[in-house]
Amino acid sequence: MKISSYLKTSPELAAIAQHAGRLIELQRLLGEVMPPALARQCRVANLKQGKLVLLAANSLVAVKLRQMAPSLAEAFSSRGWQITAIQVGVQETDAASHHPDDGPAPLTAAARAQLAALAAGTADPELRDALQRLLSVDAREPDRS
């Protein structure tokens, strides 16, 4: 049995599925009306009695969302949603604290030592060269261990 069929078996489950569908649609619309970088840092948490609850990845994003609240409410209204208020909260996540532009994290001193030992002990010249290139590139980064 598909989950959608299961959700239709009772009025309570059907109501939950319908509410989840509305939240998914609001999240999609949020991505359309906001700059993409900002939209990736927030999510729709709930909609109840016209009050839309948004969660921001950090306090800076929350401030920006609060500033944008009137224009967001207008954008949602123009698309058929009756949004009377927007509440913004902060819910920091590990994923939110990682910035894709930061690049890979540098190797720890222990990891560098193990890779150097592996490079020195391998008979495969291609593997040894690859490990040495990895170590030389990583050596340019400051040690954060």
Protein backbone atom coordinates (compact mmCIF):
# COMPACT_ATOMS: atom_id res chain seq x y z
CA MET A 1 0.00 0.00 0.00
CA LYS A 2 1.37 3.41 -0.95
CA ILE A 3 1.65 5.96 1.80
CA SER A 4 -0.76 8.30 0.02
CA SER A 5 -3.41 5.57 0.10
CA TYR A 6 -2.74 4.98 3.80
CA LEU A 7 -3.07 8.70 4.57
CA LYS A 8 -6.54 8.73 3.04
CA THR A 9 -7.83 5.97 5.33
CA SER A 10 -8.90 8.33 8.10
CA PRO A 11 -10.02 11.96 8.23
CA GLU A 12 -7.28 12.81 10.74
CA LEU A 13 -4.51 11.45 8.53
CA ALA A 14 -6.04 13.07 5.47
CA ALA A 15 -6.06 16.43 7.27
CA ILE A 16 -2.39 16.02 8.21
CA ALA A 17 -1.48 15.11 4.63
CA GLN A 18 -3.40 18.11 3.31
CA HIS A 19 -1.68 20.44 5.78
CA ALA A 20 1.73 19.02 4.83
CA GLY A 21 0.89 19.61 1.17
CA ARG A 22 0.06 23.25 1.91
CA LEU A 23 3.36 23.70 3.74
CA ILE A 24 5.27 22.15 0.84
CA GLU A 25 3.52 24.50 -1.60
CA LEU A 26 4.31 27.50 0.61
CA GLN A 27 7.97 26.44 0.77
CA ARG A 28 8.05 26.25 -3.02
CA LEU A 29 6.50 29.71 -3.30
CA LEU A 30 8.94 31.07 -0.74
CA GLY A 31 11.74 29.92 -3.01
CA GLU A 32 10.15 31.81 -5.91
CA VAL A 33 9.65 35.13 -4.13
CA MET A 34 12.98 35.33 -2.29
CA PRO A 35 16.57 35.51 -3.48
CA PRO A 36 17.81 31.90 -3.80
CA ALA A 37 20.64 32.27 -1.28
CA LEU A 38 18.22 33.58 1.33
CA ALA A 39 15.53 31.02 0.51
CA ARG A 40 18.00 28.20 1.19
CA GLN A 41 18.48 29.58 4.71
CA CYS A 42 14.83 29.46 5.78
CA ARG A 43 11.88 27.12 5.76
CA VAL A 44 8.16 27.17 6.26
CA ALA A 45 7.34 25.67 9.65
CA ASN A 46 3.58 26.12 9.91
CA LEU A 47 0.48 27.92 8.74
CA LYS A 48 -2.40 28.28 11.14
CA GLN A 49 -5.32 30.70 10.99
CA GLY A 50 -3.52 32.90 8.47
CA LYS A 51 -0.29 33.13 10.48
CA LEU A 52 2.73 31.82 8.57
CA VAL A 53 5.65 30.65 10.70
CA LEU A 54 9.09 30.75 9.09
CA LEU A 55 12.28 29.38 10.60
CA ALA A 56 15.59 31.01 9.77
CA ALA A 57 18.95 29.25 9.87
CA ASN A 58 20.47 32.02 11.99
CA SER A 59 19.67 35.39 13.54
CA LEU A 60 20.94 37.39 10.56
CA VAL A 61 18.57 35.58 8.23
CA ALA A 62 15.76 36.07 10.76
CA VAL A 63 16.32 39.83 10.74
CA LYS A 64 16.16 39.89 6.95
CA LEU A 65 12.97 37.79 6.96
CA ARG A 66 11.35 40.16 9.46
CA GLN A 67 12.25 43.08 7.19
CA MET A 68 10.76 41.25 4.21
CA ALA A 69 7.61 40.08 6.03
CA PRO A 70 5.24 42.69 4.53
CA SER A 71 6.43 42.03 0.97
CA LEU A 72 6.35 38.27 1.54
CA ALA A 73 2.77 38.46 2.83
CA GLU A 74 1.82 40.50 -0.23
CA ALA A 75 3.56 38.03 -2.56
CA PHE A 76 1.73 35.10 -0.99
CA SER A 77 -1.59 36.98 -1.11
CA SER A 78 -1.11 37.73 -4.80
CA ARG A 79 -0.79 33.97 -5.33
CA GLY A 80 -4.05 33.20 -3.53
CA TRP A 81 -2.87 32.61 0.05
CA GLN A 82 -4.48 34.49 2.92
CA ILE A 83 -1.51 35.37 5.09
CA THR A 84 -2.42 37.82 7.86
CA ALA A 85 0.82 37.63 9.84
CA ILE A 86 4.33 36.24 9.52
CA GLN A 87 6.19 35.01 12.57
CA VAL A 88 9.94 34.39 12.26
CA GLY A 89 11.92 32.09 14.51
CA VAL A 90 15.50 30.88 14.51
CA GLN A 91 16.42 27.22 14.33
CA GLU A 92 20.10 26.77 13.76
CA THR A 93 21.22 23.50 12.23
CA ASP A 94 24.58 21.96 11.51
CA ALA A 95 23.84 22.22 7.79
CA ALA A 96 23.10 25.92 8.14
CA SER A 97 26.45 26.61 9.75
CA HIS A 98 28.32 25.05 6.81
CA HIS A 99 28.83 27.40 3.91
CA PRO A 100 29.34 25.60 0.57
CA ASP A 101 31.70 28.39 -0.53
CA ASP A 102 34.06 27.56 2.34
CA GLY A 103 35.43 24.58 0.45
CA PRO A 104 36.55 21.38 2.09
CA ALA A 105 37.77 21.48 5.65
CA PRO A 106 41.54 21.15 5.99
CA LEU A 107 43.02 17.89 7.21
CA THR A 108 43.93 17.55 10.85
CA ALA A 109 47.57 17.02 11.78
CA ALA A 110 46.81 13.37 12.58
CA ALA A 111 45.13 12.83 9.21
CA ARG A 112 48.06 14.47 7.39
CA ALA A 113 50.51 12.22 9.26
CA GLN A 114 48.53 9.08 8.37
CA LEU A 115 48.30 10.08 4.71
CA ALA A 116 52.02 10.86 4.61
CA ALA A 117 52.78 7.44 6.10
CA LEU A 118 50.46 5.79 3.58
CA ALA A 119 52.14 7.65 0.71
CA ALA A 120 55.59 6.65 1.93
CA GLY A 121 54.60 3.02 2.35
CA THR A 122 52.71 2.41 -0.89
CA ALA A 123 54.28 0.71 -3.87
CA ASP A 124 51.72 2.21 -6.29
CA PRO A 125 53.35 5.32 -7.82
CA GLU A 126 50.01 6.83 -8.95
CA LEU A 127 48.53 6.50 -5.47
CA ARG A 128 51.69 7.91 -3.91
CA ASP A 129 51.61 10.93 -6.28
CA ALA A 130 47.91 11.52 -5.59
CA LEU A 131 48.45 11.41 -1.82
CA GLN A 132 51.41 13.76 -2.07
CA ARG A 133 49.35 16.21 -4.17
CA LEU A 134 46.58 16.07 -1.58
CA LEU A 135 49.06 16.77 1.19
CA SER A 136 50.72 19.64 -0.69
CA VAL A 137 47.37 21.32 -1.45
CA ASP A 138 46.17 20.86 2.13
CA ALA A 139 49.46 22.22 3.51
CA ARG A 140 48.50 25.65 2.12
CA GLU A 141 45.50 25.73 4.48
CA PRO A 142 45.94 26.71 8.15
CA ASP A 143 45.70 23.88 10.65
CA ARG A 144 42.29 23.91 12.35
CA SER A 145 42.78 20.79 14.47
